C-alpha atoms as a PDB file:
ATOM      1  CA  MET A   1     104.381 109.943  98.408  1.00  0.00           C
ATOM      2  CA  PRO A   2     103.288 111.442  94.432  1.00  0.00           C
ATOM      3  CA  VAL A   3     103.896 108.515  91.776  1.00  0.00           C
ATOM      4  CA  GLN A   4     107.151 109.517  89.602  1.00  0.00           C
ATOM      5  CA  VAL A   5     106.640 109.162  86.133  1.00  0.00           C
ATOM      6  CA  ALA A   6     109.809 109.433  84.116  1.00  0.00           C
ATOM      7  CA  ILE A   7     110.157 110.084  80.352  1.00  0.00           C
ATOM      8  CA  PRO A   8     112.989 109.339  78.563  1.00  0.00           C
ATOM      9  CA  LEU A   9     114.049 112.237  75.709  1.00  0.00           C
ATOM     10  CA  PHE A  10     116.312 111.733  73.303  1.00  0.00           C
ATOM     11  CA  PRO A  11     117.110 113.536  69.849  1.00  0.00           C
ATOM     12  CA  ARG A  12     114.945 112.862  67.479  1.00  0.00           C
ATOM     13  CA  PHE A  13     112.388 111.503  69.576  1.00  0.00           C
ATOM     14  CA  THR A  14     108.395 111.300  68.282  1.00  0.00           C
ATOM     15  CA  ALA A  15     106.847 114.533  70.461  1.00  0.00           C
ATOM     16  CA  LEU A  16     103.302 113.450  70.962  1.00  0.00           C
ATOM     17  CA  ASP A  17     104.642 109.824  72.121  1.00  0.00           C
ATOM     18  CA  ALA A  18     106.142 111.358  75.233  1.00  0.00           C
ATOM     19  CA  ILE A  19     103.068 114.704  75.169  1.00  0.00           C
ATOM     20  CA  GLY A  20     100.335 112.161  74.873  1.00  0.00           C
ATOM     21  CA  PRO A  21     101.502 110.415  78.138  1.00  0.00           C
ATOM     22  CA  TYR A  22     102.248 113.594  80.058  1.00  0.00           C
ATOM     23  CA  GLU A  23      99.143 115.104  78.839  1.00  0.00           C
ATOM     24  CA  VAL A  24      97.003 111.866  81.106  1.00  0.00           C
ATOM     25  CA  LEU A  25      99.337 111.423  84.100  1.00  0.00           C
ATOM     26  CA  GLN A  26      99.824 114.917  84.895  1.00  0.00           C
ATOM     27  CA  ARG A  27      96.566 115.483  85.782  1.00  0.00           C
ATOM     28  CA  VAL A  28      96.042 113.410  88.343  1.00  0.00           C
ATOM     29  CA  PRO A  29      97.589 115.494  91.701  1.00  0.00           C
ATOM     30  CA  ASP A  30      99.557 112.109  93.350  1.00  0.00           C
ATOM     31  CA  ILE A  31     101.722 111.803  89.924  1.00  0.00           C
ATOM     32  CA  ASP A  32     104.487 113.366  89.463  1.00  0.00           C
ATOM     33  CA  VAL A  33     105.961 113.477  85.851  1.00  0.00           C
ATOM     34  CA  ILE A  34     109.480 114.385  84.742  1.00  0.00           C
ATOM     35  CA  PHE A  35     111.399 114.479  81.658  1.00  0.00           C
ATOM     36  CA  ILE A  36     115.029 113.167  81.571  1.00  0.00           C
ATOM     37  CA  GLY A  37     118.167 112.483  79.571  1.00  0.00           C
ATOM     38  CA  ASP A  38     121.914 112.453  79.226  1.00  0.00           C
ATOM     39  CA  ARG A  39     121.741 115.630  80.535  1.00  0.00           C
ATOM     40  CA  CYS A  40     119.814 118.578  81.578  1.00  0.00           C
ATOM     41  CA  GLY A  41     118.369 120.772  78.590  1.00  0.00           C
ATOM     42  CA  GLU A  42     116.871 121.273  75.091  1.00  0.00           C
ATOM     43  CA  VAL A  43     116.477 117.751  72.582  1.00  0.00           C
ATOM     44  CA  ARG A  44     114.891 118.443  69.829  1.00  0.00           C
ATOM     45  CA  THR A  45     112.188 116.129  68.153  1.00  0.00           C
ATOM     46  CA  ASP A  46     112.173 113.795  64.980  1.00  0.00           C
ATOM     47  CA  SER A  47     111.385 117.201  62.637  1.00  0.00           C
ATOM     48  CA  GLY A  48     113.552 119.187  64.507  1.00  0.00           C
ATOM     49  CA  MET A  49     110.923 121.815  64.506  1.00  0.00           C
ATOM     50  CA  LEU A  50     110.504 121.221  68.331  1.00  0.00           C
ATOM     51  CA  GLY A  51     112.532 121.017  71.279  1.00  0.00           C
ATOM     52  CA  MET A  52     111.877 119.927  74.814  1.00  0.00           C
ATOM     53  CA  THR A  53     113.738 120.398  78.164  1.00  0.00           C
ATOM     54  CA  CYS A  54     115.150 117.578  80.077  1.00  0.00           C
ATOM     55  CA  ASP A  55     114.733 118.303  83.642  1.00  0.00           C
ATOM     56  CA  ALA A  56     117.079 115.499  84.722  1.00  0.00           C
ATOM     57  CA  PRO A  57     120.020 113.207  83.858  1.00  0.00           C
ATOM     58  CA  PHE A  58     119.271 109.660  84.148  1.00  0.00           C
ATOM     59  CA  ASP A  59     121.560 108.724  87.382  1.00  0.00           C
ATOM     60  CA  GLU A  60     119.631 111.307  89.300  1.00  0.00           C
ATOM     61  CA  VAL A  61     116.339 109.574  88.613  1.00  0.00           C
ATOM     62  CA  ALA A  62     117.290 105.568  89.595  1.00  0.00           C
ATOM     63  CA  HIS A  63     114.495 104.632  90.814  1.00  0.00           C
ATOM     64  CA  PRO A  64     110.944 106.000  89.057  1.00  0.00           C
ATOM     65  CA  ASP A  65     107.536 104.195  90.093  1.00  0.00           C
ATOM     66  CA  VAL A  66     106.673 104.293  86.148  1.00  0.00           C
ATOM     67  CA  ILE A  67     108.604 104.675  82.840  1.00  0.00           C
ATOM     68  CA  VAL A  68     107.379 105.985  79.951  1.00  0.00           C
ATOM     69  CA  VAL A  69     109.691 105.152  76.445  1.00  0.00           C
ATOM     70  CA  PRO A  70     108.779 107.114  73.409  1.00  0.00           C
ATOM     71  CA  GLY A  71     109.475 106.144  69.992  1.00  0.00           C
ATOM     72  CA  GLY A  72     110.579 107.844  66.994  1.00  0.00           C
ATOM     73  CA  ILE A  73     113.766 107.580  64.273  1.00  0.00           C
ATOM     74  CA  GLY A  74     115.930 108.515  67.346  1.00  0.00           C
ATOM     75  CA  THR A  75     115.788 105.065  68.960  1.00  0.00           C
ATOM     76  CA  ARG A  76     117.285 103.520  66.269  1.00  0.00           C
ATOM     77  CA  VAL A  77     120.964 104.680  67.470  1.00  0.00           C
ATOM     78  CA  LEU A  78     120.302 104.087  71.336  1.00  0.00           C
ATOM     79  CA  LEU A  79     119.917 100.032  70.581  1.00  0.00           C
ATOM     80  CA  ASP A  80     123.790  99.566  71.473  1.00  0.00           C
ATOM     81  CA  ASP A  81     123.740 103.001  73.719  1.00  0.00           C
ATOM     82  CA  ASP A  82     125.028 101.109  76.912  1.00  0.00           C
ATOM     83  CA  ARG A  83     124.122 104.055  79.231  1.00  0.00           C
ATOM     84  CA  ILE A  84     120.024 104.294  78.257  1.00  0.00           C
ATOM     85  CA  LEU A  85     120.127 100.569  77.881  1.00  0.00           C
ATOM     86  CA  ASP A  86     121.327  99.990  81.696  1.00  0.00           C
ATOM     87  CA  TRP A  87     119.025 102.868  83.276  1.00  0.00           C
ATOM     88  CA  LEU A  88     116.103 101.119  81.897  1.00  0.00           C
ATOM     89  CA  ARG A  89     117.088  97.921  83.057  1.00  0.00           C
ATOM     90  CA  ASN A  90     118.533  99.044  86.332  1.00  0.00           C
ATOM     91  CA  SER A  91     115.097 101.224  86.879  1.00  0.00           C
ATOM     92  CA  HIS A  92     112.890  98.390  85.443  1.00  0.00           C
ATOM     93  CA  ARG A  93     113.700  96.059  88.558  1.00  0.00           C
ATOM     94  CA  HIS A  94     112.185  98.798  90.780  1.00  0.00           C
ATOM     95  CA  SER A  95     109.377 100.298  88.879  1.00  0.00           C
ATOM     96  CA  ARG A  96     105.939  99.416  89.275  1.00  0.00           C
ATOM     97  CA  PHE A  97     105.219  99.902  85.079  1.00  0.00           C
ATOM     98  CA  THR A  98     108.021  99.792  82.321  1.00  0.00           C
ATOM     99  CA  THR A  99     106.083 101.069  79.320  1.00  0.00           C
ATOM    100  CA  SER A 100     106.468 102.317  75.981  1.00  0.00           C
ATOM    101  CA  VAL A 101     104.919 103.921  73.080  1.00  0.00           C
ATOM    102  CA  CYS A 102     105.555 103.484  69.406  1.00  0.00           C
ATOM    103  CA  THR A 103     108.866 102.442  68.540  1.00  0.00           C
ATOM    104  CA  GLY A 104     110.426 103.305  72.070  1.00  0.00           C
ATOM    105  CA  SER A 105     109.441  99.365  72.519  1.00  0.00           C
ATOM    106  CA  LEU A 106     112.521  98.568  70.818  1.00  0.00           C
ATOM    107  CA  LEU A 107     114.851  99.919  73.840  1.00  0.00           C
ATOM    108  CA  LEU A 108     112.587  97.977  75.938  1.00  0.00           C
ATOM    109  CA  ALA A 109     113.412  95.211  73.670  1.00  0.00           C
ATOM    110  CA  ALA A 110     116.960  95.587  73.069  1.00  0.00           C
ATOM    111  CA  ALA A 111     117.238  96.250  76.841  1.00  0.00           C
ATOM    112  CA  GLY A 112     116.180  92.546  77.024  1.00  0.00           C
ATOM    113  CA  LEU A 113     113.175  93.587  78.859  1.00  0.00           C
ATOM    114  CA  LEU A 114     110.677  91.726  76.413  1.00  0.00           C
ATOM    115  CA  ASP A 115     112.706  88.820  75.324  1.00  0.00           C
ATOM    116  CA  GLY A 116     110.035  86.063  74.624  1.00  0.00           C
ATOM    117  CA  LEU A 117     106.995  88.323  75.296  1.00  0.00           C
ATOM    118  CA  THR A 118     104.106  89.468  72.890  1.00  0.00           C
ATOM    119  CA  ALA A 119     104.597  93.292  72.128  1.00  0.00           C
ATOM    120  CA  THR A 120     103.120  95.815  69.640  1.00  0.00           C
ATOM    121  CA  THR A 121     105.335  98.772  68.131  1.00  0.00           C
ATOM    122  CA  HIS A 122     104.651 101.354  65.251  1.00  0.00           C
ATOM    123  CA  TRP A 123     103.706  98.884  62.090  1.00  0.00           C
ATOM    124  CA  GLY A 124     107.167 100.102  60.544  1.00  0.00           C
ATOM    125  CA  ALA A 125     108.983  99.053  62.927  1.00  0.00           C
ATOM    126  CA  VAL A 126     107.706  95.349  63.171  1.00  0.00           C
ATOM    127  CA  GLU A 127     110.591  93.391  62.034  1.00  0.00           C
ATOM    128  CA  LEU A 128     113.499  94.538  64.136  1.00  0.00           C
ATOM    129  CA  LEU A 129     111.174  94.082  66.872  1.00  0.00           C
ATOM    130  CA  GLU A 130     111.148  90.867  66.115  1.00  0.00           C
ATOM    131  CA  HIS A 131     114.661  90.745  65.209  1.00  0.00           C
ATOM    132  CA  LEU A 132     115.632  92.268  69.208  1.00  0.00           C
ATOM    133  CA  GLY A 133     113.523  89.339  70.933  1.00  0.00           C
ATOM    134  CA  ALA A 134     109.769  89.830  71.198  1.00  0.00           C
ATOM    135  CA  HIS A 135     106.863  88.991  69.772  1.00  0.00           C
ATOM    136  CA  TYR A 136     104.751  91.761  67.890  1.00  0.00           C
ATOM    137  CA  VAL A 137     101.003  91.116  67.981  1.00  0.00           C
ATOM    138  CA  GLU A 138      98.461  93.917  66.372  1.00  0.00           C
ATOM    139  CA  GLN A 139      97.233  95.650  69.473  1.00  0.00           C
ATOM    140  CA  ARG A 140      97.491  99.172  70.792  1.00  0.00           C
ATOM    141  CA  VAL A 141      98.332  98.278  73.721  1.00  0.00           C
ATOM    142  CA  VAL A 142      99.925  94.736  75.385  1.00  0.00           C
ATOM    143  CA  GLU A 143     100.147  94.188  79.011  1.00  0.00           C
ATOM    144  CA  HIS A 144     102.214  91.712  80.895  1.00  0.00           C
ATOM    145  CA  PRO A 145     101.182  92.130  84.497  1.00  0.00           C
ATOM    146  CA  PRO A 146     103.488  89.826  85.887  1.00  0.00           C
ATOM    147  CA  GLN A 147     106.674  91.576  84.106  1.00  0.00           C
ATOM    148  CA  ARG A 148     104.958  94.674  85.151  1.00  0.00           C
ATOM    149  CA  ILE A 149     105.096  95.749  81.286  1.00  0.00           C
ATOM    150  CA  ILE A 150     102.823  97.496  78.840  1.00  0.00           C
ATOM    151  CA  THR A 151     103.661  98.457  75.392  1.00  0.00           C
ATOM    152  CA  SER A 152     101.550 100.612  73.065  1.00  0.00           C
ATOM    153  CA  ALA A 153     101.562 100.904  69.064  1.00  0.00           C
ATOM    154  CA  GLY A 154     102.638 104.080  67.034  1.00  0.00           C
ATOM    155  CA  VAL A 155     101.967 107.591  68.376  1.00  0.00           C
ATOM    156  CA  SER A 156      98.613 108.140  69.683  1.00  0.00           C
ATOM    157  CA  SER A 157      98.064 105.197  71.250  1.00  0.00           C
ATOM    158  CA  GLY A 158     100.616 106.594  73.795  1.00  0.00           C
ATOM    159  CA  ILE A 159      96.671 108.066  75.272  1.00  0.00           C
ATOM    160  CA  ASP A 160      95.218 105.524  75.261  1.00  0.00           C
ATOM    161  CA  MET A 161      98.377 103.377  77.345  1.00  0.00           C
ATOM    162  CA  ALA A 162      98.463 106.090  79.752  1.00  0.00           C
ATOM    163  CA  LEU A 163      94.487 106.182  80.766  1.00  0.00           C
ATOM    164  CA  ARG A 164      95.087 102.353  81.630  1.00  0.00           C
ATOM    165  CA  LEU A 165      98.263 103.305  83.525  1.00  0.00           C
ATOM    166  CA  VAL A 166      96.573 105.918  85.529  1.00  0.00           C
ATOM    167  CA  GLU A 167      93.813 103.208  86.445  1.00  0.00           C
ATOM    168  CA  LEU A 168      96.430 101.038  87.266  1.00  0.00           C
ATOM    169  CA  LEU A 169      97.829 103.493  89.383  1.00  0.00           C
ATOM    170  CA  THR A 170      94.054 104.873  91.099  1.00  0.00           C
ATOM    171  CA  ASP A 171      91.164 103.431  89.858  1.00  0.00           C
ATOM    172  CA  THR A 172      88.764 103.413  86.712  1.00  0.00           C
ATOM    173  CA  GLU A 173      86.645 106.318  87.689  1.00  0.00           C
ATOM    174  CA  THR A 174      90.047 108.761  87.900  1.00  0.00           C
ATOM    175  CA  ALA A 175      90.956 107.231  85.054  1.00  0.00           C
ATOM    176  CA  GLN A 176      87.644 107.981  83.245  1.00  0.00           C
ATOM    177  CA  ALA A 177      88.061 111.674  84.422  1.00  0.00           C
ATOM    178  CA  VAL A 178      90.931 112.036  83.058  1.00  0.00           C
ATOM    179  CA  GLN A 179      89.520 110.826  79.819  1.00  0.00           C
ATOM    180  CA  LEU A 180      86.961 113.603  80.342  1.00  0.00           C
ATOM    181  CA  MET A 181      89.076 116.330  81.793  1.00  0.00           C
ATOM    182  CA  ILE A 182      91.298 115.733  78.581  1.00  0.00           C
ATOM    183  CA  GLU A 183      88.280 114.914  76.363  1.00  0.00           C
ATOM    184  CA  TYR A 184      89.436 112.270  74.847  1.00  0.00           C
ATOM    185  CA  ASP A 185      86.690 110.875  72.451  1.00  0.00           C
ATOM    186  CA  PRO A 186      88.230 110.449  68.613  1.00  0.00           C
ATOM    187  CA  HIS A 187      86.287 110.466  65.667  1.00  0.00           C
ATOM    188  CA  PRO A 188      88.810 111.088  62.991  1.00  0.00           C
ATOM    189  CA  PRO A 189      87.517 112.294  59.582  1.00  0.00           C
ATOM    190  CA  PHE A 190      88.990 108.792  58.109  1.00  0.00           C
ATOM    191  CA  ASP A 191      89.011 105.567  59.025  1.00  0.00           C
ATOM    192  CA  SER A 192      92.654 104.391  57.865  1.00  0.00           C
ATOM    193  CA  GLY A 193      94.493 104.398  61.473  1.00  0.00           C
ATOM    194  CA  SER A 194      96.299 100.948  60.955  1.00  0.00           C
ATOM    195  CA  LEU A 195      97.474  98.840  58.044  1.00  0.00           C
ATOM    196  CA  ALA A 196      94.145  96.762  58.393  1.00  0.00           C
ATOM    197  CA  LYS A 197      92.064  99.303  57.106  1.00  0.00           C
ATOM    198  CA  ALA A 198      94.280 101.665  54.978  1.00  0.00           C
ATOM    199  CA  ASP A 199      94.148 100.710  50.908  1.00  0.00           C
ATOM    200  CA  GLU A 200      97.304 100.471  49.325  1.00  0.00           C
ATOM    201  CA  GLY A 201      97.625 103.613  47.942  1.00  0.00           C
ATOM    202  CA  VAL A 202      97.273 104.812  51.624  1.00  0.00           C
ATOM    203  CA  ARG A 203      99.841 102.924  52.474  1.00  0.00           C
ATOM    204  CA  GLU A 204     102.442 103.722  49.552  1.00  0.00           C
ATOM    205  CA  ARG A 205     101.314 107.432  50.514  1.00  0.00           C
ATOM    206  CA  ALA A 206     102.508 106.771  54.144  1.00  0.00           C
ATOM    207  CA  GLY A 207     105.609 105.328  52.932  1.00  0.00           C
ATOM    208  CA  GLN A 208     106.398 107.972  51.110  1.00  0.00           C
ATOM    209  CA  LEU A 209     106.052 110.658  54.365  1.00  0.00           C
ATOM    210  CA  ARG A 210     108.346 108.291  56.249  1.00  0.00           C
ATOM    211  CA  ARG A 211     111.387 108.767  54.634  1.00  0.00           C
END
């Protein structure tokens, strides 16, 4: 049986949070990725410029093997949305891994899945994550094998997390082969990809761009 990966979509999610893991996971023949949501049809990203399609509603995908929750500003209005939070709680009981990218961890925390656990998220949502019961750590990927939970930091870290998922679901060589297939060998032109590396001016500009 193929491994089923469910990626929930919601209005104002961040595109790469969903597409990064999708691009990694769909490369493995025995993994099927499905996008789910409140209803079938188009969902617009946080910029409003891109639409993606939900293939099935939550109640038709009750027991996926893997859950990958993307982030985005749209997570904020879902922190008391019983439909997605109940789905997360119930689906996590049966999943092999429940994971998040960026502020998707806020939804895991709101569902009570991160209570007392260390977790990561986008640097702009640290206080909210801790308010919801998790303990923030500044790591790109945070794993809790006994709880079957993995969180990843902002946006691009979802690719790292997905490669780790491929390793856990298959083997190291397959994960390395997927990394080669997508030619994931980052050499960014700047070294400002974390708060620890960015200077004050870059941090201020990032804050302006987030508004």
